[in-house]
Amino acid sequence: MKRNQNEPTIAPGMDDSEELREEATEREKNKGDYTKVTTLSFDEVDPS
């Protein structure tokens, strides 16, 4: 099965709860070596 090139992926062994929250360093920003991360959460609590 071939993966879609636009499908988001996480490197093996990466702890997504920690590394994805880590800010890029100034050096990484200057080199353009960073990825913008958007977090989407779904709250299942019923407001009524």
PDB file of N, CA and C in Angstrom:
ATOM      1  N   MET A   1       0.841  -1.172   0.000  1.00  0.00           N
ATOM      2  CA  MET A   1       0.000   0.000   0.000  1.00  0.00           C
ATOM      3  C   MET A   1       0.890   1.240   0.000  1.00  0.00           C
ATOM      4  N   LYS A   2       0.631   2.147  -0.910  1.00  0.00           N
ATOM      5  CA  LYS A   2       1.417   3.362  -1.036  1.00  0.00           C
ATOM      6  C   LYS A   2       0.800   4.479  -0.197  1.00  0.00           C
ATOM      7  N   ARG A   3       1.643   5.229   0.497  1.00  0.00           N
ATOM      8  CA  ARG A   3       1.167   6.324   1.326  1.00  0.00           C
ATOM      9  C   ARG A   3       0.964   7.594   0.496  1.00  0.00           C
ATOM     10  N   ASN A   4      -0.019   8.373   0.879  1.00  0.00           N
ATOM     11  CA  ASN A   4      -0.261   9.664   0.275  1.00  0.00           C
ATOM     12  C   ASN A   4       0.865  10.608   0.698  1.00  0.00           C
ATOM     13  N   GLN A   5       1.491  11.308  -0.231  1.00  0.00           N
ATOM     14  CA  GLN A   5       2.597  12.211   0.071  1.00  0.00           C
ATOM     15  C   GLN A   5       2.188  13.336   1.016  1.00  0.00           C
ATOM     16  N   ASN A   6       0.912  13.694   1.045  1.00  0.00           N
ATOM     17  CA  ASN A   6       0.441  14.785   1.898  1.00  0.00           C
ATOM     18  C   ASN A   6      -0.064  14.310   3.254  1.00  0.00           C
ATOM     19  N   GLU A   7      -0.023  13.008   3.488  1.00  0.00           N
ATOM     20  CA  GLU A   7      -0.507  12.451   4.753  1.00  0.00           C
ATOM     21  C   GLU A   7       0.490  12.751   5.871  1.00  0.00           C
ATOM     22  N   PRO A   8       0.024  13.359   6.981  1.00  0.00           N
ATOM     23  CA  PRO A   8       0.953  13.655   8.076  1.00  0.00           C
ATOM     24  C   PRO A   8       1.490  12.379   8.705  1.00  0.00           C
ATOM     25  N   THR A   9       2.761  12.411   9.065  1.00  0.00           N
ATOM     26  CA  THR A   9       3.393  11.255   9.688  1.00  0.00           C
ATOM     27  C   THR A   9       4.257  11.708  10.857  1.00  0.00           C
ATOM     28  N   ILE A  10       4.583  10.795  11.720  1.00  0.00           N
ATOM     29  CA  ILE A  10       5.478  11.042  12.850  1.00  0.00           C
ATOM     30  C   ILE A  10       6.592  10.017  12.767  1.00  0.00           C
ATOM     31  N   ALA A  11       7.811  10.483  12.974  1.00  0.00           N
ATOM     32  CA  ALA A  11       8.965   9.590  12.902  1.00  0.00           C
ATOM     33  C   ALA A  11       8.858   8.485  13.940  1.00  0.00           C
ATOM     34  N   PRO A  12       9.299   7.265  13.615  1.00  0.00           N
ATOM     35  CA  PRO A  12       9.279   6.166  14.583  1.00  0.00           C
ATOM     36  C   PRO A  12      10.067   6.538  15.836  1.00  0.00           C
ATOM     37  N   GLY A  13       9.522   6.217  16.988  1.00  0.00           N
ATOM     38  CA  GLY A  13      10.190   6.491  18.251  1.00  0.00           C
ATOM     39  C   GLY A  13       9.955   7.887  18.782  1.00  0.00           C
ATOM     40  N   MET A  14       9.223   8.687  18.051  1.00  0.00           N
ATOM     41  CA  MET A  14       8.964  10.052  18.494  1.00  0.00           C
ATOM     42  C   MET A  14       7.816  10.052  19.493  1.00  0.00           C
ATOM     43  N   ASP A  15       8.012  10.727  20.626  1.00  0.00           N
ATOM     44  CA  ASP A  15       6.972  10.842  21.640  1.00  0.00           C
ATOM     45  C   ASP A  15       6.150  12.089  21.317  1.00  0.00           C
ATOM     46  N   ASP A  16       5.057  11.892  20.587  1.00  0.00           N
ATOM     47  CA  ASP A  16       4.297  13.030  20.065  1.00  0.00           C
ATOM     48  C   ASP A  16       3.787  13.987  21.135  1.00  0.00           C
ATOM     49  N   SER A  17       3.540  13.518  22.327  1.00  0.00           N
ATOM     50  CA  SER A  17       3.011  14.396  23.363  1.00  0.00           C
ATOM     51  C   SER A  17       4.073  15.367  23.875  1.00  0.00           C
ATOM     52  N   GLU A  18       5.326  15.063  23.658  1.00  0.00           N
ATOM     53  CA  GLU A  18       6.401  15.928  24.152  1.00  0.00           C
ATOM     54  C   GLU A  18       7.096  16.684  23.019  1.00  0.00           C
ATOM     55  N   GLU A  19       7.601  15.978  22.026  1.00  0.00           N
ATOM     56  CA  GLU A  19       8.369  16.613  20.957  1.00  0.00           C
ATOM     57  C   GLU A  19       7.544  17.580  20.117  1.00  0.00           C
ATOM     58  N   LEU A  20       6.278  17.285  19.909  1.00  0.00           N
ATOM     59  CA  LEU A  20       5.470  18.182  19.086  1.00  0.00           C
ATOM     60  C   LEU A  20       5.186  19.508  19.773  1.00  0.00           C
ATOM     61  N   ARG A  21       5.337  19.568  21.087  1.00  0.00           N
ATOM     62  CA  ARG A  21       5.134  20.813  21.817  1.00  0.00           C
ATOM     63  C   ARG A  21       6.423  21.622  21.936  1.00  0.00           C
ATOM     64  N   GLU A  22       7.531  21.026  21.579  1.00  0.00           N
ATOM     65  CA  GLU A  22       8.835  21.686  21.698  1.00  0.00           C
ATOM     66  C   GLU A  22       8.974  22.775  20.626  1.00  0.00           C
ATOM     67  N   GLU A  23       9.395  23.967  21.051  1.00  0.00           N
ATOM     68  CA  GLU A  23       9.585  25.079  20.126  1.00  0.00           C
ATOM     69  C   GLU A  23      10.876  24.879  19.325  1.00  0.00           C
ATOM     70  N   ALA A  24      10.881  25.363  18.092  1.00  0.00           N
ATOM     71  CA  ALA A  24      12.091  25.326  17.281  1.00  0.00           C
ATOM     72  C   ALA A  24      13.089  26.345  17.829  1.00  0.00           C
ATOM     73  N   THR A  25      14.369  26.033  17.703  1.00  0.00           N
ATOM     74  CA  THR A  25      15.401  26.971  18.140  1.00  0.00           C
ATOM     75  C   THR A  25      15.511  28.101  17.110  1.00  0.00           C
ATOM     76  N   GLU A  26      16.172  29.192  17.479  1.00  0.00           N
ATOM     77  CA  GLU A  26      16.375  30.308  16.546  1.00  0.00           C
ATOM     78  C   GLU A  26      17.137  29.834  15.314  1.00  0.00           C
ATOM     79  N   ARG A  27      18.124  28.969  15.526  1.00  0.00           N
ATOM     80  CA  ARG A  27      18.908  28.442  14.402  1.00  0.00           C
ATOM     81  C   ARG A  27      18.018  27.653  13.444  1.00  0.00           C
ATOM     82  N   GLU A  28      17.147  26.796  13.998  1.00  0.00           N
ATOM     83  CA  GLU A  28      16.230  26.015  13.159  1.00  0.00           C
ATOM     84  C   GLU A  28      15.269  26.935  12.412  1.00  0.00           C
ATOM     85  N   LYS A  29      14.771  27.964  13.080  1.00  0.00           N
ATOM     86  CA  LYS A  29      13.864  28.916  12.434  1.00  0.00           C
ATOM     87  C   LYS A  29      14.566  29.647  11.298  1.00  0.00           C
ATOM     88  N   ASN A  30      15.806  30.091  11.535  1.00  0.00           N
ATOM     89  CA  ASN A  30      16.566  30.811  10.513  1.00  0.00           C
ATOM     90  C   ASN A  30      16.847  29.942   9.295  1.00  0.00           C
ATOM     91  N   LYS A  31      17.060  28.648   9.523  1.00  0.00           N
ATOM     92  CA  LYS A  31      17.320  27.708   8.424  1.00  0.00           C
ATOM     93  C   LYS A  31      16.029  27.231   7.760  1.00  0.00           C
ATOM     94  N   GLY A  32      14.873  27.515   8.378  1.00  0.00           N
ATOM     95  CA  GLY A  32      13.605  27.010   7.848  1.00  0.00           C
ATOM     96  C   GLY A  32      13.414  25.542   8.176  1.00  0.00           C
ATOM     97  N   ASP A  33      14.159  25.049   9.169  1.00  0.00           N
ATOM     98  CA  ASP A  33      14.131  23.639   9.542  1.00  0.00           C
ATOM     99  C   ASP A  33      13.157  23.416  10.701  1.00  0.00           C
ATOM    100  N   TYR A  34      11.880  23.603  10.425  1.00  0.00           N
ATOM    101  CA  TYR A  34      10.853  23.404  11.442  1.00  0.00           C
ATOM    102  C   TYR A  34       9.533  23.084  10.739  1.00  0.00           C
ATOM    103  N   THR A  35       8.598  22.582  11.501  1.00  0.00           N
ATOM    104  CA  THR A  35       7.278  22.249  10.975  1.00  0.00           C
ATOM    105  C   THR A  35       6.224  22.872  11.865  1.00  0.00           C
ATOM    106  N   LYS A  36       5.270  23.552  11.262  1.00  0.00           N
ATOM    107  CA  LYS A  36       4.170  24.115  12.027  1.00  0.00           C
ATOM    108  C   LYS A  36       3.250  22.962  12.447  1.00  0.00           C
ATOM    109  N   VAL A  37       2.924  22.927  13.725  1.00  0.00           N
ATOM    110  CA  VAL A  37       2.089  21.852  14.263  1.00  0.00           C
ATOM    111  C   VAL A  37       0.772  22.446  14.745  1.00  0.00           C
ATOM    112  N   THR A  38      -0.326  21.867  14.313  1.00  0.00           N
ATOM    113  CA  THR A  38      -1.650  22.271  14.759  1.00  0.00           C
ATOM    114  C   THR A  38      -2.254  21.111  15.526  1.00  0.00           C
ATOM    115  N   THR A  39      -2.768  21.393  16.718  1.00  0.00           N
ATOM    116  CA  THR A  39      -3.382  20.358  17.537  1.00  0.00           C
ATOM    117  C   THR A  39      -4.888  20.561  17.547  1.00  0.00           C
ATOM    118  N   LEU A  40      -5.605  19.526  17.236  1.00  0.00           N
ATOM    119  CA  LEU A  40      -7.055  19.547  17.243  1.00  0.00           C
ATOM    120  C   LEU A  40      -7.532  18.597  18.321  1.00  0.00           C
ATOM    121  N   SER A  41      -8.380  19.082  19.214  1.00  0.00           N
ATOM    122  CA  SER A  41      -8.924  18.195  20.240  1.00  0.00           C
ATOM    123  C   SER A  41     -10.446  18.258  20.194  1.00  0.00           C
ATOM    124  N   PHE A  42     -11.061  17.165  20.512  1.00  0.00           N
ATOM    125  CA  PHE A  42     -12.506  17.053  20.486  1.00  0.00           C
ATOM    126  C   PHE A  42     -12.988  16.814  21.900  1.00  0.00           C
ATOM    127  N   ASP A  43     -13.805  17.727  22.403  1.00  0.00           N
ATOM    128  CA  ASP A  43     -14.338  17.615  23.752  1.00  0.00           C
ATOM    129  C   ASP A  43     -15.688  16.907  23.673  1.00  0.00           C
ATOM    130  N   GLU A  44     -15.767  15.720  24.238  1.00  0.00           N
ATOM    131  CA  GLU A  44     -16.977  14.919  24.141  1.00  0.00           C
ATOM    132  C   GLU A  44     -17.967  15.171  25.272  1.00  0.00           C
ATOM    133  N   VAL A  45     -17.697  16.141  26.117  1.00  0.00           N
ATOM    134  CA  VAL A  45     -18.588  16.420  27.240  1.00  0.00           C
ATOM    135  C   VAL A  45     -19.842  17.123  26.719  1.00  0.00           C
ATOM    136  N   ASP A  46     -20.986  16.626  27.101  1.00  0.00           N
ATOM    137  CA  ASP A  46     -22.263  17.211  26.698  1.00  0.00           C
ATOM    138  C   ASP A  46     -22.552  18.429  27.579  1.00  0.00           C
ATOM    139  N   PRO A  47     -22.730  19.627  27.001  1.00  0.00           N
ATOM    140  CA  PRO A  47     -22.936  20.833  27.803  1.00  0.00           C
ATOM    141  C   PRO A  47     -24.280  20.887  28.535  1.00  0.00           C
ATOM    142  N   SER A  48     -25.223  20.044  28.177  1.00  0.00           N
ATOM    143  CA  SER A  48     -26.540  20.129  28.827  1.00  0.00           C
ATOM    144  C   SER A  48     -26.626  19.307  30.089  1.00  0.00           C
TER     145      SER A  48
END
